[in-house]
Amino acid sequence: MSADEGIGHVIAEVLPIIDQGLAVDDMEISQRPFWASFRFAQHFIQRVRAGGKEWEPDFDSLQFASEPWFKELHRSVSAWYRARYPGAFDRSPRTARGVVLIWGTPFLIEVPLLVTSPGTPGKTVWLSFPDSVRDDEDAMNWVSSSPDLSQIEPEEQTQIRALVSEVASSLRRISVAVMGIGQSDAVVSGFAQGIMVHLQSAADRVIQHGRRGGTSRGYWEIQMACESAFKALSQHVTGEYTETHDLFYLYDRLPEPPAGLQRDLLRQVPRWQDVADLRYGQRADPQIADFFQCYRSALVIVAALVDPIASLRFGKASFEIARAPWLSDH
């Protein structure tokens, strides 16, 4: 009797309870099928009979995860999860949201941060975390509702693709650097973990609200991303940071500016007093084109600031990972 026929009705009754427990534990949906299978097996699988043998599973060892009966269970549980949360398994588990401006119109870009490629068939897979757009990738594929570029001149196509690749590469570079920052200094890691949140919130504001309310509040998120990056680097280098919102002051307080970050680039970001006025609706909403130029500059600023903090360099590395033994072969 297959797992689908023998325990399908039990799965339907029990998994909602198990899933609720995993949700309370704040586990990502994409990670729940294995742990739901494990908890189900622990509580409901007492003995296994297969191939003329009968035994009690040993849940103190991960050996059970490679056994055929658990693969069948995991397949059934995964099917239940895909039916329950269909959208959660249709996208890359690690993406960075950004915004690109094409023909004066903002478009969402979702940049995959984790890239996989085949290894030994059925046994391994290669994982990498690129810090730029690779030669075998087309960043236009990551633009949501991407416009049709086939009807325009090749020169303009090239310019648009270069712009999209620039934003995508910056998001990857920042994300990979943040991922490589250790946990030894809680202040540094605290500032660093908020950087991508602020950058993605800035993009979301403009995508969702356009100029009216989107750009003004998006500037605040850009300010916070840059400020967090400055303070993270200052804490990393000197063991302290200055409690100020002024990016120029934070720049001048660094013992040595990061490579590639010129002080004049900060002029592309409004002064924090102006950003605060925008946040509270005390100034007219800026043009989207002006916001986008500020956003592009902020990506360069933040990337330059977080790069020296990273203790682990993932951007040029690839890892061959063994295929999870509990995945079915079909």
C-alpha atoms as a PDB file:
ATOM      1  CA  MET A   1       0.000   0.000   0.000  1.00  0.00           C
ATOM      2  CA  SER A   2       1.441   3.372  -0.963  1.00  0.00           C
ATOM      3  CA  ALA A   3       1.791   6.268   1.439  1.00  0.00           C
ATOM      4  CA  ASP A   4      -0.842   8.143  -0.580  1.00  0.00           C
ATOM      5  CA  GLU A   5      -3.420   5.361  -0.066  1.00  0.00           C
ATOM      6  CA  GLY A   6      -2.482   4.260   3.455  1.00  0.00           C
ATOM      7  CA  ILE A   7      -1.946   7.517   5.283  1.00  0.00           C
ATOM      8  CA  GLY A   8      -3.424  10.104   2.964  1.00  0.00           C
ATOM      9  CA  HIS A   9      -6.511  10.622   5.116  1.00  0.00           C
ATOM     10  CA  VAL A  10      -4.394  10.873   8.280  1.00  0.00           C
ATOM     11  CA  ILE A  11      -2.163  13.464   6.610  1.00  0.00           C
ATOM     12  CA  ALA A  12      -5.195  15.548   5.672  1.00  0.00           C
ATOM     13  CA  GLU A  13      -6.388  15.501   9.286  1.00  0.00           C
ATOM     14  CA  VAL A  14      -3.086  16.006  11.081  1.00  0.00           C
ATOM     15  CA  LEU A  15      -0.990  18.275   8.864  1.00  0.00           C
ATOM     16  CA  PRO A  16      -3.046  21.447   9.528  1.00  0.00           C
ATOM     17  CA  ILE A  17      -2.160  21.067  13.224  1.00  0.00           C
ATOM     18  CA  ILE A  18       1.502  20.369  12.510  1.00  0.00           C
ATOM     19  CA  ASP A  19       1.638  23.262  10.060  1.00  0.00           C
ATOM     20  CA  GLN A  20       0.179  25.632  12.629  1.00  0.00           C
ATOM     21  CA  GLY A  21       2.936  24.637  15.050  1.00  0.00           C
ATOM     22  CA  LEU A  22       5.603  25.306  12.421  1.00  0.00           C
ATOM     23  CA  ALA A  23       4.023  28.685  11.719  1.00  0.00           C
ATOM     24  CA  VAL A  24       4.226  29.541  15.427  1.00  0.00           C
ATOM     25  CA  ASP A  25       7.919  28.640  15.225  1.00  0.00           C
ATOM     26  CA  ASP A  26       8.194  31.193  12.385  1.00  0.00           C
ATOM     27  CA  MET A  27       9.490  28.605   9.928  1.00  0.00           C
ATOM     28  CA  GLU A  28       9.496  29.540   6.239  1.00  0.00           C
ATOM     29  CA  ILE A  29       6.899  27.676   4.209  1.00  0.00           C
ATOM     30  CA  SER A  30       9.521  26.303   1.829  1.00  0.00           C
ATOM     31  CA  GLN A  31      11.238  24.545   4.749  1.00  0.00           C
ATOM     32  CA  ARG A  32       8.098  23.073   6.306  1.00  0.00           C
ATOM     33  CA  PRO A  33       7.568  19.907   4.190  1.00  0.00           C
ATOM     34  CA  PHE A  34      10.605  18.126   5.646  1.00  0.00           C
ATOM     35  CA  TRP A  35       9.948  19.112   9.254  1.00  0.00           C
ATOM     36  CA  ALA A  36       6.248  18.359   8.948  1.00  0.00           C
ATOM     37  CA  SER A  37       7.167  14.921   7.571  1.00  0.00           C
ATOM     38  CA  PHE A  38       9.598  14.412  10.446  1.00  0.00           C
ATOM     39  CA  ARG A  39       7.064  15.393  13.104  1.00  0.00           C
ATOM     40  CA  PHE A  40       4.383  13.270  11.477  1.00  0.00           C
ATOM     41  CA  ALA A  41       6.698  10.259  11.396  1.00  0.00           C
ATOM     42  CA  GLN A  42       7.737  10.767  15.019  1.00  0.00           C
ATOM     43  CA  HIS A  43       4.163  10.825  16.278  1.00  0.00           C
ATOM     44  CA  PHE A  44       2.384   8.422  13.952  1.00  0.00           C
ATOM     45  CA  ILE A  45       4.874   5.945  12.443  1.00  0.00           C
ATOM     46  CA  GLN A  46       5.531   3.253  15.056  1.00  0.00           C
ATOM     47  CA  ARG A  47       6.705   0.416  12.829  1.00  0.00           C
ATOM     48  CA  VAL A  48       7.570   0.042   9.162  1.00  0.00           C
ATOM     49  CA  ARG A  49       7.034  -3.091   7.074  1.00  0.00           C
ATOM     50  CA  ALA A  50       8.714  -3.287   3.667  1.00  0.00           C
ATOM     51  CA  GLY A  51      10.605  -5.862   1.606  1.00  0.00           C
ATOM     52  CA  GLY A  52       9.609  -8.695   3.897  1.00  0.00           C
ATOM     53  CA  LYS A  53      11.061  -6.918   6.947  1.00  0.00           C
ATOM     54  CA  GLU A  54       9.527  -5.045   9.860  1.00  0.00           C
ATOM     55  CA  TRP A  55      11.287  -2.594  12.171  1.00  0.00           C
ATOM     56  CA  GLU A  56      10.924   0.467  14.388  1.00  0.00           C
ATOM     57  CA  PRO A  57      12.368   3.643  12.814  1.00  0.00           C
ATOM     58  CA  ASP A  58      15.313   5.161  14.655  1.00  0.00           C
ATOM     59  CA  PHE A  59      14.560   8.876  14.867  1.00  0.00           C
ATOM     60  CA  ASP A  60      17.759   9.560  16.776  1.00  0.00           C
ATOM     61  CA  SER A  61      19.668   9.099  13.527  1.00  0.00           C
ATOM     62  CA  LEU A  62      19.077  10.865  10.215  1.00  0.00           C
ATOM     63  CA  GLN A  63      19.474   7.525   8.436  1.00  0.00           C
ATOM     64  CA  PHE A  64      15.680   7.199   8.349  1.00  0.00           C
ATOM     65  CA  ALA A  65      15.524  10.218   6.004  1.00  0.00           C
ATOM     66  CA  SER A  66      17.093   8.199   3.175  1.00  0.00           C
ATOM     67  CA  GLU A  67      14.772   5.213   3.523  1.00  0.00           C
ATOM     68  CA  PRO A  68      12.094   4.627   0.837  1.00  0.00           C
ATOM     69  CA  TRP A  69       9.171   4.829   3.270  1.00  0.00           C
ATOM     70  CA  PHE A  70      10.194   8.328   4.408  1.00  0.00           C
ATOM     71  CA  LYS A  71      10.713   9.462   0.810  1.00  0.00           C
ATOM     72  CA  GLU A  72       7.128   8.417   0.050  1.00  0.00           C
ATOM     73  CA  LEU A  73       5.873  10.194   3.157  1.00  0.00           C
ATOM     74  CA  HIS A  74       7.800  13.334   2.264  1.00  0.00           C
ATOM     75  CA  ARG A  75       6.389  13.247  -1.279  1.00  0.00           C
ATOM     76  CA  SER A  76       2.814  13.112   0.055  1.00  0.00           C
ATOM     77  CA  VAL A  77       3.442  15.862   2.588  1.00  0.00           C
ATOM     78  CA  SER A  78       5.098  18.042  -0.057  1.00  0.00           C
ATOM     79  CA  ALA A  79       2.076  17.593  -2.325  1.00  0.00           C
ATOM     80  CA  TRP A  80      -0.175  18.683   0.553  1.00  0.00           C
ATOM     81  CA  TYR A  81       1.941  21.800   1.121  1.00  0.00           C
ATOM     82  CA  ARG A  82       2.017  22.733  -2.547  1.00  0.00           C
ATOM     83  CA  ALA A  83      -1.765  22.511  -2.650  1.00  0.00           C
ATOM     84  CA  ARG A  84      -2.100  24.564   0.527  1.00  0.00           C
ATOM     85  CA  TYR A  85       0.478  27.265  -0.396  1.00  0.00           C
ATOM     86  CA  PRO A  86       0.822  27.107  -4.188  1.00  0.00           C
ATOM     87  CA  GLY A  87       2.544  30.475  -4.535  1.00  0.00           C
ATOM     88  CA  ALA A  88       5.200  29.750  -1.921  1.00  0.00           C
ATOM     89  CA  PHE A  89       6.951  27.149  -4.090  1.00  0.00           C
ATOM     90  CA  ASP A  90       6.752  28.977  -7.423  1.00  0.00           C
ATOM     91  CA  ARG A  91       9.531  31.457  -6.697  1.00  0.00           C
ATOM     92  CA  SER A  92      13.174  31.303  -5.767  1.00  0.00           C
ATOM     93  CA  PRO A  93      13.624  30.897  -2.018  1.00  0.00           C
ATOM     94  CA  ARG A  94      16.129  33.753  -1.997  1.00  0.00           C
ATOM     95  CA  THR A  95      15.416  36.893  -4.003  1.00  0.00           C
ATOM     96  CA  ALA A  96      16.058  40.612  -3.611  1.00  0.00           C
ATOM     97  CA  ARG A  97      13.415  43.111  -4.694  1.00  0.00           C
ATOM     98  CA  GLY A  98      14.438  46.302  -6.405  1.00  0.00           C
ATOM     99  CA  VAL A  99      13.136  48.904  -8.823  1.00  0.00           C
ATOM    100  CA  VAL A 100      14.232  49.865 -12.330  1.00  0.00           C
ATOM    101  CA  LEU A 101      13.005  52.789 -14.372  1.00  0.00           C
ATOM    102  CA  ILE A 102      12.231  51.995 -18.004  1.00  0.00           C
ATOM    103  CA  TRP A 103      10.752  54.716 -20.227  1.00  0.00           C
ATOM    104  CA  GLY A 104       9.977  56.736 -17.108  1.00  0.00           C
ATOM    105  CA  THR A 105       7.958  53.893 -15.585  1.00  0.00           C
ATOM    106  CA  PRO A 106       9.039  52.000 -12.442  1.00  0.00           C
ATOM    107  CA  PHE A 107       9.158  48.216 -12.702  1.00  0.00           C
ATOM    108  CA  LEU A 108       9.723  45.667  -9.975  1.00  0.00           C
ATOM    109  CA  ILE A 109      12.821  43.502 -10.350  1.00  0.00           C
ATOM    110  CA  GLU A 110      13.198  40.313  -8.329  1.00  0.00           C
ATOM    111  CA  VAL A 111      16.811  39.210  -8.396  1.00  0.00           C
ATOM    112  CA  PRO A 112      17.595  35.564  -7.545  1.00  0.00           C
ATOM    113  CA  LEU A 113      20.366  35.466  -4.973  1.00  0.00           C
ATOM    114  CA  LEU A 114      20.848  31.708  -4.988  1.00  0.00           C
ATOM    115  CA  VAL A 115      21.803  30.068  -8.291  1.00  0.00           C
ATOM    116  CA  THR A 116      21.765  26.300  -8.720  1.00  0.00           C
ATOM    117  CA  SER A 117      23.215  24.096 -11.426  1.00  0.00           C
ATOM    118  CA  PRO A 118      23.352  20.308 -11.831  1.00  0.00           C
ATOM    119  CA  GLY A 119      26.129  18.292 -10.261  1.00  0.00           C
ATOM    120  CA  THR A 120      26.355  14.509 -10.247  1.00  0.00           C
ATOM    121  CA  PRO A 121      22.955  13.380 -11.609  1.00  0.00           C
ATOM    122  CA  GLY A 122      20.631  12.414  -8.780  1.00  0.00           C
ATOM    123  CA  LYS A 123      23.282  12.968  -6.119  1.00  0.00           C
ATOM    124  CA  THR A 124      24.588  16.535  -5.938  1.00  0.00           C
ATOM    125  CA  VAL A 125      23.802  20.090  -6.976  1.00  0.00           C
ATOM    126  CA  TRP A 126      26.031  23.156  -7.260  1.00  0.00           C
ATOM    127  CA  LEU A 127      25.019  26.273  -5.298  1.00  0.00           C
ATOM    128  CA  SER A 128      26.431  29.755  -5.768  1.00  0.00           C
ATOM    129  CA  PHE A 129      25.663  33.261  -4.509  1.00  0.00           C
ATOM    130  CA  PRO A 130      26.844  35.568  -7.320  1.00  0.00           C
ATOM    131  CA  ASP A 131      27.800  39.165  -6.559  1.00  0.00           C
ATOM    132  CA  SER A 132      26.875  40.342 -10.062  1.00  0.00           C
ATOM    133  CA  VAL A 133      24.846  39.282 -13.088  1.00  0.00           C
ATOM    134  CA  ARG A 134      26.586  36.322 -14.707  1.00  0.00           C
ATOM    135  CA  ASP A 135      27.338  36.080 -18.428  1.00  0.00           C
ATOM    136  CA  ASP A 136      24.825  33.239 -18.829  1.00  0.00           C
ATOM    137  CA  GLU A 137      21.974  35.247 -17.259  1.00  0.00           C
ATOM    138  CA  ASP A 138      19.566  37.809 -18.701  1.00  0.00           C
ATOM    139  CA  ALA A 139      18.547  40.272 -16.000  1.00  0.00           C
ATOM    140  CA  MET A 140      15.510  41.313 -18.061  1.00  0.00           C
ATOM    141  CA  ASN A 141      13.947  37.969 -17.116  1.00  0.00           C
ATOM    142  CA  TRP A 142      13.767  39.208 -13.522  1.00  0.00           C
ATOM    143  CA  VAL A 143      11.756  42.326 -14.345  1.00  0.00           C
ATOM    144  CA  SER A 144       8.122  41.832 -13.411  1.00  0.00           C
ATOM    145  CA  SER A 145       5.765  42.541 -16.329  1.00  0.00           C
ATOM    146  CA  SER A 146       8.813  43.428 -18.375  1.00  0.00           C
ATOM    147  CA  PRO A 147       8.123  45.692 -21.364  1.00  0.00           C
ATOM    148  CA  ASP A 148       8.696  44.431 -24.888  1.00  0.00           C
ATOM    149  CA  LEU A 149      12.080  45.639 -26.072  1.00  0.00           C
ATOM    150  CA  SER A 150      11.932  43.969 -29.466  1.00  0.00           C
ATOM    151  CA  GLN A 151      10.352  46.987 -31.168  1.00  0.00           C
ATOM    152  CA  ILE A 152      13.079  49.491 -30.266  1.00  0.00           C
ATOM    153  CA  GLU A 153      16.528  50.162 -31.665  1.00  0.00           C
ATOM    154  CA  PRO A 154      19.348  47.836 -30.557  1.00  0.00           C
ATOM    155  CA  GLU A 155      21.252  50.736 -28.990  1.00  0.00           C
ATOM    156  CA  GLU A 156      18.334  51.582 -26.706  1.00  0.00           C
ATOM    157  CA  GLN A 157      17.873  47.898 -25.880  1.00  0.00           C
ATOM    158  CA  THR A 158      21.516  47.740 -24.826  1.00  0.00           C
ATOM    159  CA  GLN A 159      21.124  50.786 -22.591  1.00  0.00           C
ATOM    160  CA  ILE A 160      18.056  49.390 -20.852  1.00  0.00           C
ATOM    161  CA  ARG A 161      19.642  45.986 -20.324  1.00  0.00           C
ATOM    162  CA  ALA A 162      22.761  47.634 -18.912  1.00  0.00           C
ATOM    163  CA  LEU A 163      20.660  49.646 -16.467  1.00  0.00           C
ATOM    164  CA  VAL A 164      18.739  46.584 -15.276  1.00  0.00           C
ATOM    165  CA  SER A 165      21.976  44.612 -14.918  1.00  0.00           C
ATOM    166  CA  GLU A 166      23.498  47.459 -12.914  1.00  0.00           C
ATOM    167  CA  VAL A 167      20.669  47.422 -10.367  1.00  0.00           C
ATOM    168  CA  ALA A 168      20.610  43.622 -10.197  1.00  0.00           C
ATOM    169  CA  SER A 169      24.376  43.393  -9.715  1.00  0.00           C
ATOM    170  CA  SER A 170      24.298  46.005  -6.944  1.00  0.00           C
ATOM    171  CA  LEU A 171      21.563  44.147  -5.093  1.00  0.00           C
ATOM    172  CA  ARG A 172      23.525  40.907  -5.355  1.00  0.00           C
ATOM    173  CA  ARG A 173      26.754  42.531  -4.224  1.00  0.00           C
ATOM    174  CA  ILE A 174      25.099  44.051  -1.153  1.00  0.00           C
ATOM    175  CA  SER A 175      23.203  40.890  -0.256  1.00  0.00           C
ATOM    176  CA  VAL A 176      26.264  38.658  -0.565  1.00  0.00           C
ATOM    177  CA  ALA A 177      28.341  41.034   1.544  1.00  0.00           C
ATOM    178  CA  VAL A 178      25.686  41.207   4.257  1.00  0.00           C
ATOM    179  CA  MET A 179      25.453  37.417   4.235  1.00  0.00           C
ATOM    180  CA  GLY A 180      29.200  37.241   4.846  1.00  0.00           C
ATOM    181  CA  ILE A 181      29.140  39.492   7.913  1.00  0.00           C
ATOM    182  CA  GLY A 182      29.686  37.473  11.050  1.00  0.00           C
ATOM    183  CA  GLN A 183      27.745  37.574  14.297  1.00  0.00           C
ATOM    184  CA  SER A 184      30.673  38.413  16.596  1.00  0.00           C
ATOM    185  CA  ASP A 185      29.533  42.026  16.974  1.00  0.00           C
ATOM    186  CA  ALA A 186      25.802  42.260  17.598  1.00  0.00           C
ATOM    187  CA  VAL A 187      25.767  45.988  16.773  1.00  0.00           C
ATOM    188  CA  VAL A 188      27.383  45.468  13.376  1.00  0.00           C
ATOM    189  CA  SER A 189      25.160  42.542  12.464  1.00  0.00           C
ATOM    190  CA  GLY A 190      22.079  44.419  13.704  1.00  0.00           C
ATOM    191  CA  PHE A 191      22.740  47.389  11.445  1.00  0.00           C
ATOM    192  CA  ALA A 192      23.713  45.130   8.541  1.00  0.00           C
ATOM    193  CA  GLN A 193      20.596  42.966   8.692  1.00  0.00           C
ATOM    194  CA  GLY A 194      18.394  46.021   8.262  1.00  0.00           C
ATOM    195  CA  ILE A 195      20.080  47.281   5.101  1.00  0.00           C
ATOM    196  CA  MET A 196      18.324  45.026   2.575  1.00  0.00           C
ATOM    197  CA  VAL A 197      15.019  45.549   4.386  1.00  0.00           C
ATOM    198  CA  HIS A 198      15.303  49.317   3.898  1.00  0.00           C
ATOM    199  CA  LEU A 199      16.416  49.036   0.259  1.00  0.00           C
ATOM    200  CA  GLN A 200      13.568  46.670  -0.587  1.00  0.00           C
ATOM    201  CA  SER A 201      11.077  48.880   1.248  1.00  0.00           C
ATOM    202  CA  ALA A 202      12.250  51.866  -0.802  1.00  0.00           C
ATOM    203  CA  ALA A 203      11.563  49.934  -4.011  1.00  0.00           C
ATOM    204  CA  ASP A 204       8.219  48.663  -2.716  1.00  0.00           C
ATOM    205  CA  ARG A 205       7.051  52.191  -1.879  1.00  0.00           C
ATOM    206  CA  VAL A 206       7.534  53.399  -5.437  1.00  0.00           C
ATOM    207  CA  ILE A 207       6.183  50.243  -7.068  1.00  0.00           C
ATOM    208  CA  GLN A 208       3.025  50.277  -4.942  1.00  0.00           C
ATOM    209  CA  HIS A 209       2.326  54.005  -4.689  1.00  0.00           C
ATOM    210  CA  GLY A 210       4.176  55.662  -7.560  1.00  0.00           C
ATOM    211  CA  ARG A 211       5.039  59.320  -7.047  1.00  0.00           C
ATOM    212  CA  ARG A 212       2.162  60.106  -4.692  1.00  0.00           C
ATOM    213  CA  GLY A 213       3.538  59.133  -1.322  1.00  0.00           C
ATOM    214  CA  GLY A 214       5.885  56.540  -2.774  1.00  0.00           C
ATOM    215  CA  THR A 215       8.934  58.632  -3.605  1.00  0.00           C
ATOM    216  CA  SER A 216       8.789  60.812  -0.484  1.00  0.00           C
ATOM    217  CA  ARG A 217       8.698  57.837   1.866  1.00  0.00           C
ATOM    218  CA  GLY A 218      11.056  55.868  -0.335  1.00  0.00           C
ATOM    219  CA  TYR A 219      13.707  58.518   0.311  1.00  0.00           C
ATOM    220  CA  TRP A 220      13.454  57.807   4.033  1.00  0.00           C
ATOM    221  CA  GLU A 221      14.177  54.120   3.442  1.00  0.00           C
ATOM    222  CA  ILE A 222      17.183  55.053   1.303  1.00  0.00           C
ATOM    223  CA  GLN A 223      18.441  57.327   4.081  1.00  0.00           C
ATOM    224  CA  MET A 224      18.082  54.528   6.616  1.00  0.00           C
ATOM    225  CA  ALA A 225      19.866  52.008   4.376  1.00  0.00           C
ATOM    226  CA  CYS A 226      22.840  54.348   3.891  1.00  0.00           C
ATOM    227  CA  GLU A 227      22.886  55.354   7.548  1.00  0.00           C
ATOM    228  CA  SER A 228      22.816  51.728   8.694  1.00  0.00           C
ATOM    229  CA  ALA A 229      25.674  50.853   6.357  1.00  0.00           C
ATOM    230  CA  PHE A 230      27.800  53.766   7.587  1.00  0.00           C
ATOM    231  CA  LYS A 231      27.205  52.891  11.227  1.00  0.00           C
ATOM    232  CA  ALA A 232      27.880  49.201  10.643  1.00  0.00           C
ATOM    233  CA  LEU A 233      31.244  50.006   9.058  1.00  0.00           C
ATOM    234  CA  SER A 234      32.120  52.534  11.764  1.00  0.00           C
ATOM    235  CA  GLN A 235      31.322  50.000  14.496  1.00  0.00           C
ATOM    236  CA  HIS A 236      33.347  47.365  12.643  1.00  0.00           C
ATOM    237  CA  VAL A 237      36.416  49.578  12.220  1.00  0.00           C
ATOM    238  CA  THR A 238      36.441  51.657  15.413  1.00  0.00           C
ATOM    239  CA  GLY A 239      34.210  49.739  17.825  1.00  0.00           C
ATOM    240  CA  GLU A 240      31.708  52.593  18.012  1.00  0.00           C
ATOM    241  CA  TYR A 241      29.414  54.711  15.871  1.00  0.00           C
ATOM    242  CA  THR A 242      28.152  58.282  15.999  1.00  0.00           C
ATOM    243  CA  GLU A 243      24.480  58.840  16.787  1.00  0.00           C
ATOM    244  CA  THR A 244      23.648  61.146  13.914  1.00  0.00           C
ATOM    245  CA  HIS A 245      21.591  61.002  10.716  1.00  0.00           C
ATOM    246  CA  ASP A 246      24.051  63.176   8.772  1.00  0.00           C
ATOM    247  CA  LEU A 247      25.684  60.992   6.114  1.00  0.00           C
ATOM    248  CA  PHE A 248      28.457  63.520   5.458  1.00  0.00           C
ATOM    249  CA  TYR A 249      29.380  63.568   9.144  1.00  0.00           C
ATOM    250  CA  LEU A 250      29.344  59.767   9.253  1.00  0.00           C
ATOM    251  CA  TYR A 251      31.608  59.704   6.188  1.00  0.00           C
ATOM    252  CA  ASP A 252      34.074  62.154   7.754  1.00  0.00           C
ATOM    253  CA  ARG A 253      34.197  60.152  10.986  1.00  0.00           C
ATOM    254  CA  LEU A 254      35.531  57.070   9.200  1.00  0.00           C
ATOM    255  CA  PRO A 255      39.293  56.641   9.656  1.00  0.00           C
ATOM    256  CA  GLU A 256      39.571  55.805   5.971  1.00  0.00           C
ATOM    257  CA  PRO A 257      36.812  55.975   3.319  1.00  0.00           C
ATOM    258  CA  PRO A 258      36.010  52.679   1.564  1.00  0.00           C
ATOM    259  CA  ALA A 259      37.549  52.136  -1.846  1.00  0.00           C
ATOM    260  CA  GLY A 260      35.419  53.585  -4.615  1.00  0.00           C
ATOM    261  CA  LEU A 261      33.233  55.776  -2.383  1.00  0.00           C
ATOM    262  CA  GLN A 262      33.747  59.443  -3.125  1.00  0.00           C
ATOM    263  CA  ARG A 263      32.309  61.990  -0.691  1.00  0.00           C
ATOM    264  CA  ASP A 264      30.582  63.895  -3.502  1.00  0.00           C
ATOM    265  CA  LEU A 265      28.405  60.851  -4.239  1.00  0.00           C
ATOM    266  CA  LEU A 266      26.536  61.563  -1.001  1.00  0.00           C
ATOM    267  CA  ARG A 267      25.155  64.693  -2.649  1.00  0.00           C
ATOM    268  CA  GLN A 268      22.859  62.404  -4.654  1.00  0.00           C
ATOM    269  CA  VAL A 269      20.997  61.619  -1.413  1.00  0.00           C
ATOM    270  CA  PRO A 270      18.990  64.512   0.105  1.00  0.00           C
ATOM    271  CA  ARG A 271      20.156  65.778   3.494  1.00  0.00           C
ATOM    272  CA  TRP A 272      18.438  64.024   6.349  1.00  0.00           C
ATOM    273  CA  GLN A 273      16.421  67.098   7.380  1.00  0.00           C
ATOM    274  CA  ASP A 274      14.910  67.208   3.885  1.00  0.00           C
ATOM    275  CA  VAL A 275      14.291  63.450   3.988  1.00  0.00           C
ATOM    276  CA  ALA A 276      12.450  63.846   7.311  1.00  0.00           C
ATOM    277  CA  ASP A 277      10.261  66.583   5.825  1.00  0.00           C
ATOM    278  CA  LEU A 278       9.433  64.337   2.882  1.00  0.00           C
ATOM    279  CA  ARG A 279       8.574  61.463   5.189  1.00  0.00           C
ATOM    280  CA  TYR A 280       6.011  63.552   7.051  1.00  0.00           C
ATOM    281  CA  GLY A 281       4.514  65.108   3.938  1.00  0.00           C
ATOM    282  CA  GLN A 282       5.969  68.563   4.461  1.00  0.00           C
ATOM    283  CA  ARG A 283       7.298  68.786   0.909  1.00  0.00           C
ATOM    284  CA  ALA A 284       5.966  67.971  -2.528  1.00  0.00           C
ATOM    285  CA  ASP A 285       6.502  64.380  -3.655  1.00  0.00           C
ATOM    286  CA  PRO A 286       9.701  64.190  -5.735  1.00  0.00           C
ATOM    287  CA  GLN A 287       9.679  63.007  -9.324  1.00  0.00           C
ATOM    288  CA  ILE A 288      10.180  59.295  -9.841  1.00  0.00           C
ATOM    289  CA  ALA A 289      13.166  59.973 -12.123  1.00  0.00           C
ATOM    290  CA  ASP A 290      14.894  61.933  -9.336  1.00  0.00           C
ATOM    291  CA  PHE A 291      14.140  59.204  -6.838  1.00  0.00           C
ATOM    292  CA  PHE A 292      15.571  56.543  -9.149  1.00  0.00           C
ATOM    293  CA  GLN A 293      18.832  58.440  -9.596  1.00  0.00           C
ATOM    294  CA  CYS A 294      19.084  58.677  -5.813  1.00  0.00           C
ATOM    295  CA  TYR A 295      18.290  54.965  -5.508  1.00  0.00           C
ATOM    296  CA  ARG A 296      21.061  54.008  -7.956  1.00  0.00           C
ATOM    297  CA  SER A 297      23.559  56.159  -6.054  1.00  0.00           C
ATOM    298  CA  ALA A 298      22.448  54.652  -2.747  1.00  0.00           C
ATOM    299  CA  LEU A 299      23.113  51.148  -4.067  1.00  0.00           C
ATOM    300  CA  VAL A 300      26.685  52.172  -4.924  1.00  0.00           C
ATOM    301  CA  ILE A 301      27.158  53.834  -1.515  1.00  0.00           C
ATOM    302  CA  VAL A 302      25.825  50.902   0.467  1.00  0.00           C
ATOM    303  CA  ALA A 303      27.760  48.318  -1.567  1.00  0.00           C
ATOM    304  CA  ALA A 304      31.018  50.172  -0.955  1.00  0.00           C
ATOM    305  CA  LEU A 305      30.319  50.417   2.790  1.00  0.00           C
ATOM    306  CA  VAL A 306      29.337  46.811   3.505  1.00  0.00           C
ATOM    307  CA  ASP A 307      31.969  45.136   1.347  1.00  0.00           C
ATOM    308  CA  PRO A 308      34.878  45.750   3.812  1.00  0.00           C
ATOM    309  CA  ILE A 309      32.833  44.326   6.714  1.00  0.00           C
ATOM    310  CA  ALA A 310      32.236  40.894   5.201  1.00  0.00           C
ATOM    311  CA  SER A 311      34.472  38.251   6.729  1.00  0.00           C
ATOM    312  CA  LEU A 312      33.268  35.523   4.351  1.00  0.00           C
ATOM    313  CA  ARG A 313      33.374  35.976   0.584  1.00  0.00           C
ATOM    314  CA  PHE A 314      30.622  34.046  -1.156  1.00  0.00           C
ATOM    315  CA  GLY A 315      30.428  36.019  -4.388  1.00  0.00           C
ATOM    316  CA  LYS A 316      33.062  34.084  -6.326  1.00  0.00           C
ATOM    317  CA  ALA A 317      32.475  30.724  -4.663  1.00  0.00           C
ATOM    318  CA  SER A 318      30.368  27.693  -5.585  1.00  0.00           C
ATOM    319  CA  PHE A 319      29.490  24.743  -3.391  1.00  0.00           C
ATOM    320  CA  GLU A 320      28.655  21.196  -4.416  1.00  0.00           C
ATOM    321  CA  ILE A 321      25.897  20.023  -2.083  1.00  0.00           C
ATOM    322  CA  ALA A 322      24.648  16.489  -1.654  1.00  0.00           C
ATOM    323  CA  ARG A 323      21.041  16.046  -2.734  1.00  0.00           C
ATOM    324  CA  ALA A 324      18.673  15.729   0.227  1.00  0.00           C
ATOM    325  CA  PRO A 325      18.229  11.972   0.829  1.00  0.00           C
ATOM    326  CA  TRP A 326      14.531  12.311   1.668  1.00  0.00           C
ATOM    327  CA  LEU A 327      13.609  13.609  -1.790  1.00  0.00           C
ATOM    328  CA  SER A 328      11.892  11.006  -3.937  1.00  0.00           C
ATOM    329  CA  ASP A 329      13.464   9.943  -7.215  1.00  0.00           C
ATOM    330  CA  HIS A 330      10.392  10.924  -9.250  1.00  0.00           C
END
